[in-house]
Amino acid sequence: MALSKLTTAGPSVLSSYCQSLNGVAKARYEDKVATIGFDPYALRKSAYQTDLALVPMVEYPDIVNYLVLSASWATNEQMKAYKSTEAYNFFVSGWVDTLHMKLVDPDRILVTARVS
């Protein structure tokens, strides 16, 4: 694993969340951390921005295309994750608040949110 790519939170800084994971889940999380260069759970709130202008335009069809029609990375089969579209409904219904964004690189942004 290329955890040497970690930058913003410091080299090899992994959150207690990551350290609590086991086996395959921990390996997948470490791979994601290596991809973006930092562990989101290890960052302070001040490392995030709340400017919604950073979020790319995403509409309902984009979410359906991704969650329902795209192929799973694990099985390479269509995900058909109809239940996952509930996340969109949570957002529209006002359950999701306090979006935090962190620019990963000029083409990617990490978005986290607090769900009530």
C-alpha atoms as a PDB file:
ATOM      1  CA  MET A   1       0.000   0.000   0.000  1.00  0.00           C
ATOM      2  CA  ALA A   2       1.229   3.416  -0.968  1.00  0.00           C
ATOM      3  CA  LEU A   3       0.507   5.199   2.287  1.00  0.00           C
ATOM      4  CA  SER A   4       3.631   7.270   1.679  1.00  0.00           C
ATOM      5  CA  LYS A   5       1.416   9.514  -0.513  1.00  0.00           C
ATOM      6  CA  LEU A   6      -0.282  10.883   2.608  1.00  0.00           C
ATOM      7  CA  THR A   7       0.172  14.620   2.748  1.00  0.00           C
ATOM      8  CA  THR A   8      -2.284  16.966   4.423  1.00  0.00           C
ATOM      9  CA  ALA A   9      -2.684  15.078   7.682  1.00  0.00           C
ATOM     10  CA  GLY A  10       1.000  14.202   7.773  1.00  0.00           C
ATOM     11  CA  PRO A  11       2.878  11.083   6.745  1.00  0.00           C
ATOM     12  CA  SER A  12       1.327   7.811   7.909  1.00  0.00           C
ATOM     13  CA  VAL A  13      -1.362   9.597   9.937  1.00  0.00           C
ATOM     14  CA  LEU A  14      -4.354   7.299  10.116  1.00  0.00           C
ATOM     15  CA  SER A  15      -7.479   7.983  12.131  1.00  0.00           C
ATOM     16  CA  SER A  16      -8.710   5.868  14.998  1.00  0.00           C
ATOM     17  CA  TYR A  17     -11.558   4.898  12.645  1.00  0.00           C
ATOM     18  CA  CYS A  18      -9.064   3.366  10.220  1.00  0.00           C
ATOM     19  CA  GLN A  19      -7.184   1.668  13.018  1.00  0.00           C
ATOM     20  CA  SER A  20     -10.440   0.108  14.259  1.00  0.00           C
ATOM     21  CA  LEU A  21     -11.053  -1.642  10.931  1.00  0.00           C
ATOM     22  CA  ASN A  22      -9.957  -5.212  10.275  1.00  0.00           C
ATOM     23  CA  GLY A  23      -8.925  -7.295   7.291  1.00  0.00           C
ATOM     24  CA  VAL A  24     -10.374  -6.464   3.909  1.00  0.00           C
ATOM     25  CA  ALA A  25     -12.222  -3.363   5.170  1.00  0.00           C
ATOM     26  CA  LYS A  26      -9.001  -1.879   6.525  1.00  0.00           C
ATOM     27  CA  ALA A  27      -7.097  -2.675   3.320  1.00  0.00           C
ATOM     28  CA  ARG A  28      -9.806  -1.017   1.180  1.00  0.00           C
ATOM     29  CA  TYR A  29      -9.847   2.051   3.440  1.00  0.00           C
ATOM     30  CA  GLU A  30      -6.045   2.343   3.320  1.00  0.00           C
ATOM     31  CA  ASP A  31      -6.178   2.106  -0.475  1.00  0.00           C
ATOM     32  CA  LYS A  32      -8.713   4.951  -0.572  1.00  0.00           C
ATOM     33  CA  VAL A  33      -6.567   7.006   1.799  1.00  0.00           C
ATOM     34  CA  ALA A  34      -3.540   6.385  -0.425  1.00  0.00           C
ATOM     35  CA  THR A  35      -5.544   7.462  -3.489  1.00  0.00           C
ATOM     36  CA  ILE A  36      -6.538  10.849  -2.087  1.00  0.00           C
ATOM     37  CA  GLY A  37      -3.376  11.376  -0.042  1.00  0.00           C
ATOM     38  CA  PHE A  38      -4.927  11.856   3.405  1.00  0.00           C
ATOM     39  CA  ASP A  39      -7.290  10.218   5.875  1.00  0.00           C
ATOM     40  CA  PRO A  40     -10.462  12.351   6.011  1.00  0.00           C
ATOM     41  CA  TYR A  41     -11.149  11.309   9.607  1.00  0.00           C
ATOM     42  CA  ALA A  42      -7.685  12.495  10.680  1.00  0.00           C
ATOM     43  CA  LEU A  43      -8.243  16.062   9.427  1.00  0.00           C
ATOM     44  CA  ARG A  44      -9.415  18.962  11.557  1.00  0.00           C
ATOM     45  CA  LYS A  45     -12.599  20.811  10.636  1.00  0.00           C
ATOM     46  CA  SER A  46     -10.475  23.785   9.620  1.00  0.00           C
ATOM     47  CA  ALA A  47      -9.017  21.705   6.767  1.00  0.00           C
ATOM     48  CA  TYR A  48     -12.438  21.596   5.103  1.00  0.00           C
ATOM     49  CA  GLN A  49     -14.372  24.296   3.278  1.00  0.00           C
ATOM     50  CA  THR A  50     -18.126  24.817   3.198  1.00  0.00           C
ATOM     51  CA  ASP A  51     -18.323  26.746  -0.090  1.00  0.00           C
ATOM     52  CA  LEU A  52     -20.964  24.952  -2.167  1.00  0.00           C
ATOM     53  CA  ALA A  53     -19.435  26.427  -5.322  1.00  0.00           C
ATOM     54  CA  LEU A  54     -16.783  23.701  -4.997  1.00  0.00           C
ATOM     55  CA  VAL A  55     -19.357  20.933  -5.457  1.00  0.00           C
ATOM     56  CA  PRO A  56     -19.893  19.928  -9.077  1.00  0.00           C
ATOM     57  CA  MET A  57     -23.433  19.993 -10.439  1.00  0.00           C
ATOM     58  CA  VAL A  58     -25.038  16.623  -9.718  1.00  0.00           C
ATOM     59  CA  GLU A  59     -28.623  15.840 -10.591  1.00  0.00           C
ATOM     60  CA  TYR A  60     -30.889  12.906  -9.846  1.00  0.00           C
ATOM     61  CA  PRO A  61     -30.129  11.115 -13.157  1.00  0.00           C
ATOM     62  CA  ASP A  62     -26.393  11.305 -12.355  1.00  0.00           C
ATOM     63  CA  ILE A  63     -26.997   9.542  -9.046  1.00  0.00           C
ATOM     64  CA  VAL A  64     -29.223   6.880 -10.610  1.00  0.00           C
ATOM     65  CA  ASN A  65     -26.719   6.287 -13.400  1.00  0.00           C
ATOM     66  CA  TYR A  66     -23.928   5.822 -10.864  1.00  0.00           C
ATOM     67  CA  LEU A  67     -25.705   3.789  -8.187  1.00  0.00           C
ATOM     68  CA  VAL A  68     -28.122   1.775 -10.296  1.00  0.00           C
ATOM     69  CA  LEU A  69     -26.708   1.451 -13.782  1.00  0.00           C
ATOM     70  CA  SER A  70     -22.920   1.404 -13.295  1.00  0.00           C
ATOM     71  CA  ALA A  71     -20.893  -1.740 -12.657  1.00  0.00           C
ATOM     72  CA  SER A  72     -19.585  -2.687  -9.229  1.00  0.00           C
ATOM     73  CA  TRP A  73     -15.816  -2.487  -8.777  1.00  0.00           C
ATOM     74  CA  ALA A  74     -15.917  -5.800  -6.898  1.00  0.00           C
ATOM     75  CA  THR A  75     -18.079  -7.961  -9.164  1.00  0.00           C
ATOM     76  CA  ASN A  76     -18.078  -6.008 -12.434  1.00  0.00           C
ATOM     77  CA  GLU A  77     -21.860  -6.551 -12.519  1.00  0.00           C
ATOM     78  CA  GLN A  78     -24.525  -3.874 -12.636  1.00  0.00           C
ATOM     79  CA  MET A  79     -24.958  -2.594  -9.064  1.00  0.00           C
ATOM     80  CA  LYS A  80     -28.735  -2.064  -9.153  1.00  0.00           C
ATOM     81  CA  ALA A  81     -28.380  -0.246  -5.837  1.00  0.00           C
ATOM     82  CA  TYR A  82     -31.872   1.208  -5.841  1.00  0.00           C
ATOM     83  CA  LYS A  83     -31.865   1.505  -2.046  1.00  0.00           C
ATOM     84  CA  SER A  84     -28.771   3.744  -2.219  1.00  0.00           C
ATOM     85  CA  THR A  85     -30.824   6.410  -3.940  1.00  0.00           C
ATOM     86  CA  GLU A  86     -32.339   6.924  -0.477  1.00  0.00           C
ATOM     87  CA  ALA A  87     -29.248   9.036   0.243  1.00  0.00           C
ATOM     88  CA  TYR A  88     -30.465  11.504  -2.359  1.00  0.00           C
ATOM     89  CA  ASN A  89     -33.897  11.530  -0.722  1.00  0.00           C
ATOM     90  CA  PHE A  90     -32.284  12.181   2.682  1.00  0.00           C
ATOM     91  CA  PHE A  91     -30.508  15.187   1.181  1.00  0.00           C
ATOM     92  CA  VAL A  92     -33.608  16.582  -0.508  1.00  0.00           C
ATOM     93  CA  SER A  93     -35.666  16.035   2.669  1.00  0.00           C
ATOM     94  CA  GLY A  94     -33.249  18.084   4.741  1.00  0.00           C
ATOM     95  CA  TRP A  95     -31.660  15.246   6.752  1.00  0.00           C
ATOM     96  CA  VAL A  96     -28.208  16.042   5.392  1.00  0.00           C
ATOM     97  CA  ASP A  97     -26.576  19.228   6.585  1.00  0.00           C
ATOM     98  CA  THR A  98     -23.139  20.724   7.100  1.00  0.00           C
ATOM     99  CA  LEU A  99     -21.406  19.683   3.902  1.00  0.00           C
ATOM    100  CA  HIS A 100     -17.622  19.846   4.141  1.00  0.00           C
ATOM    101  CA  MET A 101     -15.412  19.877   1.064  1.00  0.00           C
ATOM    102  CA  LYS A 102     -11.689  19.265   0.689  1.00  0.00           C
ATOM    103  CA  LEU A 103      -9.952  19.773  -2.623  1.00  0.00           C
ATOM    104  CA  VAL A 104      -7.954  16.623  -3.406  1.00  0.00           C
ATOM    105  CA  ASP A 105      -6.525  17.922  -6.672  1.00  0.00           C
ATOM    106  CA  PRO A 106      -7.822  20.236  -9.418  1.00  0.00           C
ATOM    107  CA  ASP A 107     -10.099  17.495 -10.786  1.00  0.00           C
ATOM    108  CA  ARG A 108     -11.312  15.834  -7.560  1.00  0.00           C
ATOM    109  CA  ILE A 109     -13.025  16.980  -4.397  1.00  0.00           C
ATOM    110  CA  LEU A 110     -13.874  15.037  -1.257  1.00  0.00           C
ATOM    111  CA  VAL A 111     -17.341  15.788   0.114  1.00  0.00           C
ATOM    112  CA  THR A 112     -18.407  14.713   3.582  1.00  0.00           C
ATOM    113  CA  ALA A 113     -21.641  15.511   5.360  1.00  0.00           C
ATOM    114  CA  ARG A 114     -23.350  15.336   8.694  1.00  0.00           C
ATOM    115  CA  VAL A 115     -26.637  13.405   8.639  1.00  0.00           C
ATOM    116  CA  SER A 116     -29.296  14.169  11.266  1.00  0.00           C
END
